[in-house]
Amino acid sequence: MRITTQDLELLYGAQVTDRDGERVGGVGHVYLDDASGQPEWVTVRTGWFGARQTFVPLADADFENGIIQVPYDADFLRDAPHVDPGEHPDEEGEERLYRYFGRLPEAGDPVLQDRGGQEKDGDYRQVERRGRRRLRRHTGTDQGR
């Protein structure tokens, strides 16, 4: 099933599996497209005790019964560029993410920028794409599981 805004709170308790069903980790953060409000990326807690967070695109993912299955191999996901918990990738980091997942933005597409702001349960932390698009990090009530 395609992931939509109706699934937002459920995503925080979800586990991410690879294309073969191998568990990769739990969801850390959800990033929404500001124009559509639809979930676009999640971070997956990986490494020892979930100390790393790896961005994973949701474009081709399926979500059912608390499991997000993505069309990538587990080793590929574990080797993906990662961020430290609570941090946001800079321009170079975002470009690495798009390149790694074969989802390069078109020439001239803007890059994510953290807009800051206070986070509260259920609020949104603004993350802006310079130029035309914006993303926002959803900070759901179940975050941090």
N, C-alpha and C. Protein backbone atom coordinates (compact mmCIF):
# COMPACT_ATOMS: atom_id res chain seq x y z
N MET A 1 0.84 -1.17 0.00
CA MET A 1 0.00 0.00 0.00
C MET A 1 0.89 1.24 0.00
N ARG A 2 0.52 2.23 -0.79
CA ARG A 2 1.28 3.48 -0.88
C ARG A 2 1.19 4.23 0.45
N ILE A 3 2.26 4.89 0.82
CA ILE A 3 2.32 5.63 2.08
C ILE A 3 1.74 7.03 1.87
N THR A 4 0.79 7.41 2.75
CA THR A 4 0.13 8.71 2.65
C THR A 4 0.17 9.42 3.99
N THR A 5 -0.37 10.64 4.02
CA THR A 5 -0.41 11.41 5.26
C THR A 5 -1.25 10.73 6.32
N GLN A 6 -2.18 9.89 5.94
CA GLN A 6 -2.99 9.16 6.93
C GLN A 6 -2.15 8.17 7.72
N ASP A 7 -0.98 7.84 7.22
CA ASP A 7 -0.10 6.87 7.87
C ASP A 7 0.95 7.51 8.78
N LEU A 8 0.98 8.84 8.86
CA LEU A 8 2.08 9.54 9.53
C LEU A 8 2.39 9.01 10.92
N GLU A 9 1.42 8.99 11.80
CA GLU A 9 1.69 8.57 13.18
C GLU A 9 2.09 7.10 13.24
N LEU A 10 1.56 6.29 12.34
CA LEU A 10 1.90 4.86 12.32
C LEU A 10 3.34 4.63 11.87
N LEU A 11 3.88 5.54 11.08
CA LEU A 11 5.24 5.37 10.58
C LEU A 11 6.27 5.37 11.70
N TYR A 12 6.00 6.12 12.79
CA TYR A 12 6.98 6.19 13.88
C TYR A 12 7.16 4.87 14.62
N GLY A 13 6.20 4.01 14.60
CA GLY A 13 6.34 2.70 15.22
C GLY A 13 6.74 1.63 14.24
N ALA A 14 6.95 2.03 12.98
CA ALA A 14 7.19 1.06 11.91
C ALA A 14 8.64 0.58 11.88
N GLN A 15 8.79 -0.61 11.33
CA GLN A 15 10.10 -1.18 11.04
C GLN A 15 10.31 -1.11 9.53
N VAL A 16 11.55 -0.88 9.12
CA VAL A 16 11.88 -0.85 7.70
C VAL A 16 12.56 -2.16 7.35
N THR A 17 12.08 -2.77 6.26
CA THR A 17 12.69 -4.01 5.76
C THR A 17 13.16 -3.79 4.34
N ASP A 18 14.11 -4.61 3.93
CA ASP A 18 14.62 -4.51 2.57
C ASP A 18 13.68 -5.24 1.61
N ARG A 19 14.07 -5.33 0.35
CA ARG A 19 13.21 -5.93 -0.67
C ARG A 19 12.91 -7.41 -0.41
N ASP A 20 13.79 -8.08 0.37
CA ASP A 20 13.59 -9.49 0.69
C ASP A 20 12.94 -9.70 2.05
N GLY A 21 12.57 -8.62 2.73
CA GLY A 21 11.93 -8.73 4.04
C GLY A 21 12.89 -8.73 5.21
N GLU A 22 14.20 -8.54 4.98
CA GLU A 22 15.17 -8.49 6.08
C GLU A 22 15.03 -7.17 6.82
N ARG A 23 14.96 -7.25 8.15
CA ARG A 23 14.81 -6.05 8.98
C ARG A 23 16.06 -5.19 8.90
N VAL A 24 15.84 -3.88 8.71
CA VAL A 24 16.94 -2.92 8.64
C VAL A 24 16.98 -2.06 9.90
N GLY A 25 15.82 -1.61 10.39
CA GLY A 25 15.76 -0.78 11.59
C GLY A 25 14.43 -0.08 11.71
N GLY A 26 14.27 0.67 12.79
CA GLY A 26 13.04 1.40 13.05
C GLY A 26 13.11 2.83 12.51
N VAL A 27 11.95 3.41 12.27
CA VAL A 27 11.87 4.77 11.75
C VAL A 27 12.27 5.77 12.83
N GLY A 28 13.13 6.72 12.46
CA GLY A 28 13.54 7.79 13.36
C GLY A 28 12.73 9.06 13.12
N HIS A 29 12.77 9.58 11.89
CA HIS A 29 12.06 10.80 11.51
C HIS A 29 11.35 10.57 10.19
N VAL A 30 10.31 11.37 9.95
CA VAL A 30 9.57 11.36 8.70
C VAL A 30 9.68 12.75 8.09
N TYR A 31 10.00 12.81 6.80
CA TYR A 31 10.10 14.08 6.08
C TYR A 31 9.00 14.14 5.03
N LEU A 32 8.27 15.28 5.03
CA LEU A 32 7.14 15.48 4.14
C LEU A 32 7.49 16.46 3.03
N ASP A 33 6.87 16.29 1.88
CA ASP A 33 6.94 17.28 0.83
C ASP A 33 5.98 18.40 1.22
N ASP A 34 6.46 19.63 1.28
CA ASP A 34 5.63 20.73 1.75
C ASP A 34 4.50 21.04 0.79
N ALA A 35 4.72 20.87 -0.50
CA ALA A 35 3.69 21.17 -1.49
C ALA A 35 2.52 20.19 -1.39
N SER A 36 2.83 18.91 -1.29
CA SER A 36 1.78 17.89 -1.27
C SER A 36 1.43 17.43 0.13
N GLY A 37 2.35 17.62 1.09
CA GLY A 37 2.14 17.12 2.44
C GLY A 37 2.35 15.62 2.58
N GLN A 38 2.80 14.99 1.51
CA GLN A 38 2.98 13.53 1.51
C GLN A 38 4.35 13.15 2.07
N PRO A 39 4.43 12.03 2.77
CA PRO A 39 5.73 11.54 3.25
C PRO A 39 6.66 11.26 2.06
N GLU A 40 7.89 11.76 2.15
CA GLU A 40 8.84 11.60 1.05
C GLU A 40 10.07 10.78 1.43
N TRP A 41 10.58 10.96 2.65
CA TRP A 41 11.74 10.23 3.16
C TRP A 41 11.48 9.86 4.61
N VAL A 42 12.15 8.82 5.08
CA VAL A 42 12.24 8.53 6.52
C VAL A 42 13.71 8.35 6.85
N THR A 43 14.03 8.54 8.13
CA THR A 43 15.34 8.12 8.58
C THR A 43 15.13 6.80 9.30
N VAL A 44 16.09 5.90 9.15
CA VAL A 44 16.03 4.58 9.77
C VAL A 44 17.16 4.48 10.77
N ARG A 45 16.82 4.10 12.00
CA ARG A 45 17.84 3.94 13.04
C ARG A 45 18.62 2.66 12.75
N THR A 46 19.92 2.83 12.54
CA THR A 46 20.80 1.69 12.23
C THR A 46 22.02 1.76 13.13
N GLY A 47 22.88 0.79 13.02
CA GLY A 47 24.10 0.77 13.83
C GLY A 47 23.79 0.28 15.24
N TRP A 48 24.81 0.31 16.08
CA TRP A 48 24.66 -0.15 17.46
C TRP A 48 23.64 0.70 18.18
N PHE A 49 22.60 0.08 18.69
CA PHE A 49 21.56 0.74 19.47
C PHE A 49 20.91 1.89 18.71
N GLY A 50 20.89 1.82 17.39
CA GLY A 50 20.25 2.86 16.58
C GLY A 50 20.96 4.19 16.63
N ALA A 51 22.28 4.17 16.83
CA ALA A 51 23.06 5.40 16.99
C ALA A 51 23.19 6.20 15.70
N ARG A 52 22.95 5.57 14.56
CA ARG A 52 23.02 6.26 13.27
C ARG A 52 21.62 6.34 12.68
N GLN A 53 21.39 7.35 11.87
CA GLN A 53 20.13 7.44 11.14
C GLN A 53 20.44 7.58 9.66
N THR A 54 19.86 6.68 8.89
CA THR A 54 20.07 6.65 7.45
C THR A 54 18.80 7.11 6.76
N PHE A 55 18.92 8.04 5.83
CA PHE A 55 17.77 8.49 5.04
C PHE A 55 17.42 7.43 4.01
N VAL A 56 16.11 7.16 3.86
CA VAL A 56 15.62 6.21 2.88
C VAL A 56 14.41 6.83 2.18
N PRO A 57 14.40 6.87 0.84
CA PRO A 57 13.26 7.43 0.13
C PRO A 57 12.05 6.51 0.20
N LEU A 58 10.86 7.11 0.24
CA LEU A 58 9.62 6.34 0.33
C LEU A 58 8.93 6.20 -1.02
N ALA A 59 9.49 6.77 -2.07
CA ALA A 59 8.82 6.81 -3.38
C ALA A 59 8.33 5.44 -3.85
N ASP A 60 9.10 4.41 -3.68
CA ASP A 60 8.72 3.08 -4.16
C ASP A 60 8.49 2.09 -3.03
N ALA A 61 8.22 2.61 -1.83
CA ALA A 61 8.04 1.75 -0.65
C ALA A 61 6.58 1.31 -0.51
N ASP A 62 6.40 0.20 0.18
CA ASP A 62 5.07 -0.29 0.55
C ASP A 62 4.97 -0.29 2.06
N PHE A 63 3.76 -0.02 2.57
CA PHE A 63 3.55 0.03 4.02
C PHE A 63 2.33 -0.82 4.36
N GLU A 64 2.56 -1.81 5.21
CA GLU A 64 1.46 -2.69 5.63
C GLU A 64 1.81 -3.33 6.96
N ASN A 65 0.84 -3.33 7.87
CA ASN A 65 1.00 -3.97 9.18
C ASN A 65 2.25 -3.50 9.93
N GLY A 66 2.52 -2.19 9.88
CA GLY A 66 3.64 -1.65 10.63
C GLY A 66 5.00 -1.89 10.02
N ILE A 67 5.03 -2.33 8.76
CA ILE A 67 6.31 -2.60 8.09
C ILE A 67 6.38 -1.79 6.80
N ILE A 68 7.49 -1.05 6.66
CA ILE A 68 7.78 -0.32 5.43
C ILE A 68 8.79 -1.17 4.67
N GLN A 69 8.36 -1.68 3.52
CA GLN A 69 9.28 -2.47 2.70
C GLN A 69 9.75 -1.60 1.55
N VAL A 70 11.07 -1.46 1.44
CA VAL A 70 11.67 -0.63 0.40
C VAL A 70 12.37 -1.51 -0.63
N PRO A 71 12.49 -1.03 -1.86
CA PRO A 71 13.04 -1.86 -2.94
C PRO A 71 14.56 -1.87 -3.02
N TYR A 72 15.20 -1.94 -1.87
CA TYR A 72 16.66 -1.94 -1.81
C TYR A 72 17.14 -3.11 -0.96
N ASP A 73 18.36 -3.53 -1.17
CA ASP A 73 19.01 -4.58 -0.39
C ASP A 73 19.42 -4.01 0.98
N ALA A 74 19.36 -4.82 2.03
CA ALA A 74 19.70 -4.37 3.39
C ALA A 74 21.12 -3.82 3.47
N ASP A 75 22.09 -4.48 2.84
CA ASP A 75 23.47 -3.99 2.88
C ASP A 75 23.59 -2.64 2.19
N PHE A 76 22.86 -2.47 1.09
CA PHE A 76 22.85 -1.18 0.38
C PHE A 76 22.33 -0.09 1.31
N LEU A 77 21.26 -0.38 2.05
CA LEU A 77 20.70 0.60 2.98
C LEU A 77 21.66 0.91 4.13
N ARG A 78 22.28 -0.12 4.67
CA ARG A 78 23.21 0.10 5.79
C ARG A 78 24.44 0.90 5.38
N ASP A 79 24.82 0.79 4.10
CA ASP A 79 25.97 1.53 3.59
C ASP A 79 25.61 2.92 3.09
N ALA A 80 24.33 3.26 3.11
CA ALA A 80 23.88 4.57 2.61
C ALA A 80 24.43 5.69 3.48
N PRO A 81 24.52 6.89 2.92
CA PRO A 81 24.93 8.04 3.73
C PRO A 81 24.01 8.16 4.95
N HIS A 82 24.56 8.55 6.06
CA HIS A 82 23.77 8.65 7.29
C HIS A 82 23.98 10.00 7.94
N VAL A 83 23.14 10.28 8.92
CA VAL A 83 23.27 11.51 9.72
C VAL A 83 23.27 11.11 11.18
N ASP A 84 23.87 11.96 11.99
CA ASP A 84 23.80 11.74 13.43
C ASP A 84 22.40 12.11 13.89
N PRO A 85 21.85 11.39 14.88
CA PRO A 85 20.51 11.72 15.37
C PRO A 85 20.41 13.19 15.73
N GLY A 86 19.32 13.82 15.29
CA GLY A 86 19.08 15.22 15.58
C GLY A 86 19.72 16.18 14.60
N GLU A 87 20.51 15.68 13.66
CA GLU A 87 21.14 16.55 12.67
C GLU A 87 20.43 16.43 11.34
N HIS A 88 20.72 17.37 10.46
CA HIS A 88 20.13 17.41 9.14
C HIS A 88 21.26 17.50 8.12
N PRO A 89 21.17 16.80 6.98
CA PRO A 89 22.26 16.86 6.02
C PRO A 89 22.41 18.25 5.41
N ASP A 90 23.66 18.65 5.17
CA ASP A 90 23.91 19.91 4.48
C ASP A 90 23.72 19.69 2.98
N GLU A 91 23.97 20.72 2.18
CA GLU A 91 23.75 20.61 0.73
C GLU A 91 24.52 19.43 0.13
N GLU A 92 25.78 19.31 0.50
CA GLU A 92 26.60 18.22 -0.03
C GLU A 92 26.06 16.87 0.41
N GLY A 93 25.63 16.78 1.66
CA GLY A 93 25.07 15.54 2.17
C GLY A 93 23.80 15.13 1.45
N GLU A 94 22.95 16.11 1.16
CA GLU A 94 21.72 15.79 0.44
C GLU A 94 22.02 15.32 -0.97
N GLU A 95 22.96 15.97 -1.62
CA GLU A 95 23.34 15.54 -2.97
C GLU A 95 23.84 14.10 -2.95
N ARG A 96 24.61 13.74 -1.91
CA ARG A 96 25.09 12.34 -1.79
C ARG A 96 23.91 11.38 -1.65
N LEU A 97 22.89 11.78 -0.88
CA LEU A 97 21.71 10.93 -0.71
C LEU A 97 21.02 10.68 -2.04
N TYR A 98 20.74 11.76 -2.76
CA TYR A 98 20.06 11.61 -4.04
C TYR A 98 20.89 10.77 -5.00
N ARG A 99 22.17 11.01 -5.04
CA ARG A 99 23.05 10.26 -5.94
C ARG A 99 23.07 8.79 -5.54
N TYR A 100 23.20 8.52 -4.24
CA TYR A 100 23.30 7.15 -3.76
C TYR A 100 22.06 6.34 -4.14
N PHE A 101 20.89 6.94 -4.00
CA PHE A 101 19.65 6.23 -4.29
C PHE A 101 19.20 6.38 -5.74
N GLY A 102 20.05 6.99 -6.58
CA GLY A 102 19.70 7.12 -7.99
C GLY A 102 18.53 8.05 -8.21
N ARG A 103 18.36 9.01 -7.33
CA ARG A 103 17.25 9.94 -7.41
C ARG A 103 17.78 11.37 -7.49
N LEU A 104 18.72 11.57 -8.39
CA LEU A 104 19.31 12.90 -8.51
C LEU A 104 18.25 13.92 -8.87
N PRO A 105 18.22 15.04 -8.15
CA PRO A 105 17.29 16.10 -8.52
C PRO A 105 17.69 16.66 -9.87
N GLU A 106 16.72 17.22 -10.57
CA GLU A 106 17.01 17.82 -11.86
C GLU A 106 17.91 19.02 -11.67
N ALA A 107 18.62 19.38 -12.73
CA ALA A 107 19.51 20.54 -12.67
C ALA A 107 18.74 21.75 -12.16
N GLY A 108 19.34 22.43 -11.20
CA GLY A 108 18.71 23.62 -10.65
C GLY A 108 17.74 23.36 -9.53
N ASP A 109 17.44 22.10 -9.22
CA ASP A 109 16.56 21.82 -8.09
C ASP A 109 17.22 22.29 -6.81
N PRO A 110 16.44 22.82 -5.90
CA PRO A 110 16.98 23.33 -4.65
C PRO A 110 17.40 22.22 -3.70
N VAL A 111 18.09 22.60 -2.65
CA VAL A 111 18.62 21.67 -1.66
C VAL A 111 17.95 21.92 -0.33
N LEU A 112 17.77 20.88 0.48
CA LEU A 112 17.12 21.00 1.78
C LEU A 112 17.88 21.93 2.71
N GLN A 113 17.15 22.73 3.46
CA GLN A 113 17.75 23.56 4.49
C GLN A 113 16.87 23.51 5.72
N ASP A 114 17.47 23.30 6.86
CA ASP A 114 16.75 23.25 8.13
C ASP A 114 16.36 24.67 8.52
N ARG A 115 15.06 24.88 8.75
CA ARG A 115 14.56 26.20 9.09
C ARG A 115 14.52 26.42 10.60
N GLY A 116 14.87 25.40 11.35
CA GLY A 116 14.88 25.53 12.81
C GLY A 116 13.47 25.57 13.36
N GLY A 117 13.31 26.20 14.50
CA GLY A 117 12.00 26.28 15.12
C GLY A 117 11.87 25.30 16.24
N GLN A 118 10.96 25.60 17.13
CA GLN A 118 10.75 24.74 18.30
C GLN A 118 9.95 23.51 17.90
N GLU A 119 10.36 22.36 18.39
CA GLU A 119 9.64 21.13 18.12
C GLU A 119 8.81 20.75 19.32
N LYS A 120 7.56 20.39 19.06
CA LYS A 120 6.67 19.88 20.10
C LYS A 120 5.99 18.66 19.51
N ASP A 121 5.45 17.81 20.36
CA ASP A 121 4.75 16.64 19.85
C ASP A 121 3.68 17.07 18.87
N GLY A 122 3.69 16.43 17.69
CA GLY A 122 2.68 16.68 16.68
C GLY A 122 2.94 17.91 15.83
N ASP A 123 3.96 18.71 16.13
CA ASP A 123 4.27 19.89 15.33
C ASP A 123 5.16 19.50 14.17
N TYR A 124 5.42 20.47 13.32
CA TYR A 124 6.30 20.26 12.18
C TYR A 124 7.53 21.13 12.34
N ARG A 125 8.67 20.57 12.02
CA ARG A 125 9.91 21.36 11.99
C ARG A 125 10.13 21.67 10.52
N GLN A 126 10.27 22.93 10.21
CA GLN A 126 10.38 23.35 8.82
C GLN A 126 11.76 23.04 8.27
N VAL A 127 11.78 22.40 7.14
CA VAL A 127 13.00 22.15 6.40
C VAL A 127 12.70 22.65 5.00
N GLU A 128 13.50 23.55 4.52
CA GLU A 128 13.19 24.24 3.27
C GLU A 128 14.12 23.80 2.15
N ARG A 129 13.54 23.67 0.98
CA ARG A 129 14.35 23.51 -0.22
C ARG A 129 14.52 24.91 -0.76
N ARG A 130 15.76 25.33 -0.92
CA ARG A 130 15.99 26.65 -1.49
C ARG A 130 15.37 26.68 -2.86
N GLY A 131 14.57 27.66 -3.10
CA GLY A 131 13.94 27.78 -4.40
C GLY A 131 12.49 27.35 -4.35
N ARG A 132 12.12 26.39 -5.18
CA ARG A 132 10.73 26.07 -5.42
C ARG A 132 10.09 25.15 -4.39
N ARG A 133 10.75 24.17 -3.88
CA ARG A 133 10.11 23.16 -3.04
C ARG A 133 10.49 23.31 -1.58
N ARG A 134 9.66 22.71 -0.73
CA ARG A 134 9.97 22.67 0.70
C ARG A 134 9.63 21.30 1.24
N LEU A 135 10.40 20.89 2.22
CA LEU A 135 10.09 19.70 2.99
C LEU A 135 9.96 20.12 4.43
N ARG A 136 9.22 19.35 5.17
CA ARG A 136 9.15 19.60 6.61
C ARG A 136 9.26 18.28 7.33
N ARG A 137 9.94 18.31 8.45
CA ARG A 137 10.10 17.09 9.24
C ARG A 137 8.93 17.02 10.20
N HIS A 138 8.18 15.96 10.09
CA HIS A 138 7.06 15.73 10.99
C HIS A 138 7.61 15.22 12.30
N THR A 139 7.19 15.80 13.40
CA THR A 139 7.66 15.36 14.71
C THR A 139 6.48 14.78 15.46
N GLY A 140 6.13 13.57 15.12
CA GLY A 140 4.95 12.91 15.65
C GLY A 140 5.03 12.58 17.12
N THR A 141 3.89 12.25 17.67
CA THR A 141 3.80 11.97 19.10
C THR A 141 4.49 10.69 19.50
N ASP A 142 4.70 9.77 18.56
CA ASP A 142 5.33 8.49 18.90
C ASP A 142 6.82 8.48 18.58
N GLN A 143 7.36 9.62 18.18
CA GLN A 143 8.76 9.69 17.78
C GLN A 143 9.67 9.30 18.94
N GLY A 144 10.78 8.69 18.59
CA GLY A 144 11.79 8.35 19.58
C GLY A 144 11.67 6.95 20.14
N ARG A 145 10.77 6.18 19.58
CA ARG A 145 10.65 4.78 20.03
C ARG A 145 11.90 4.03 19.74
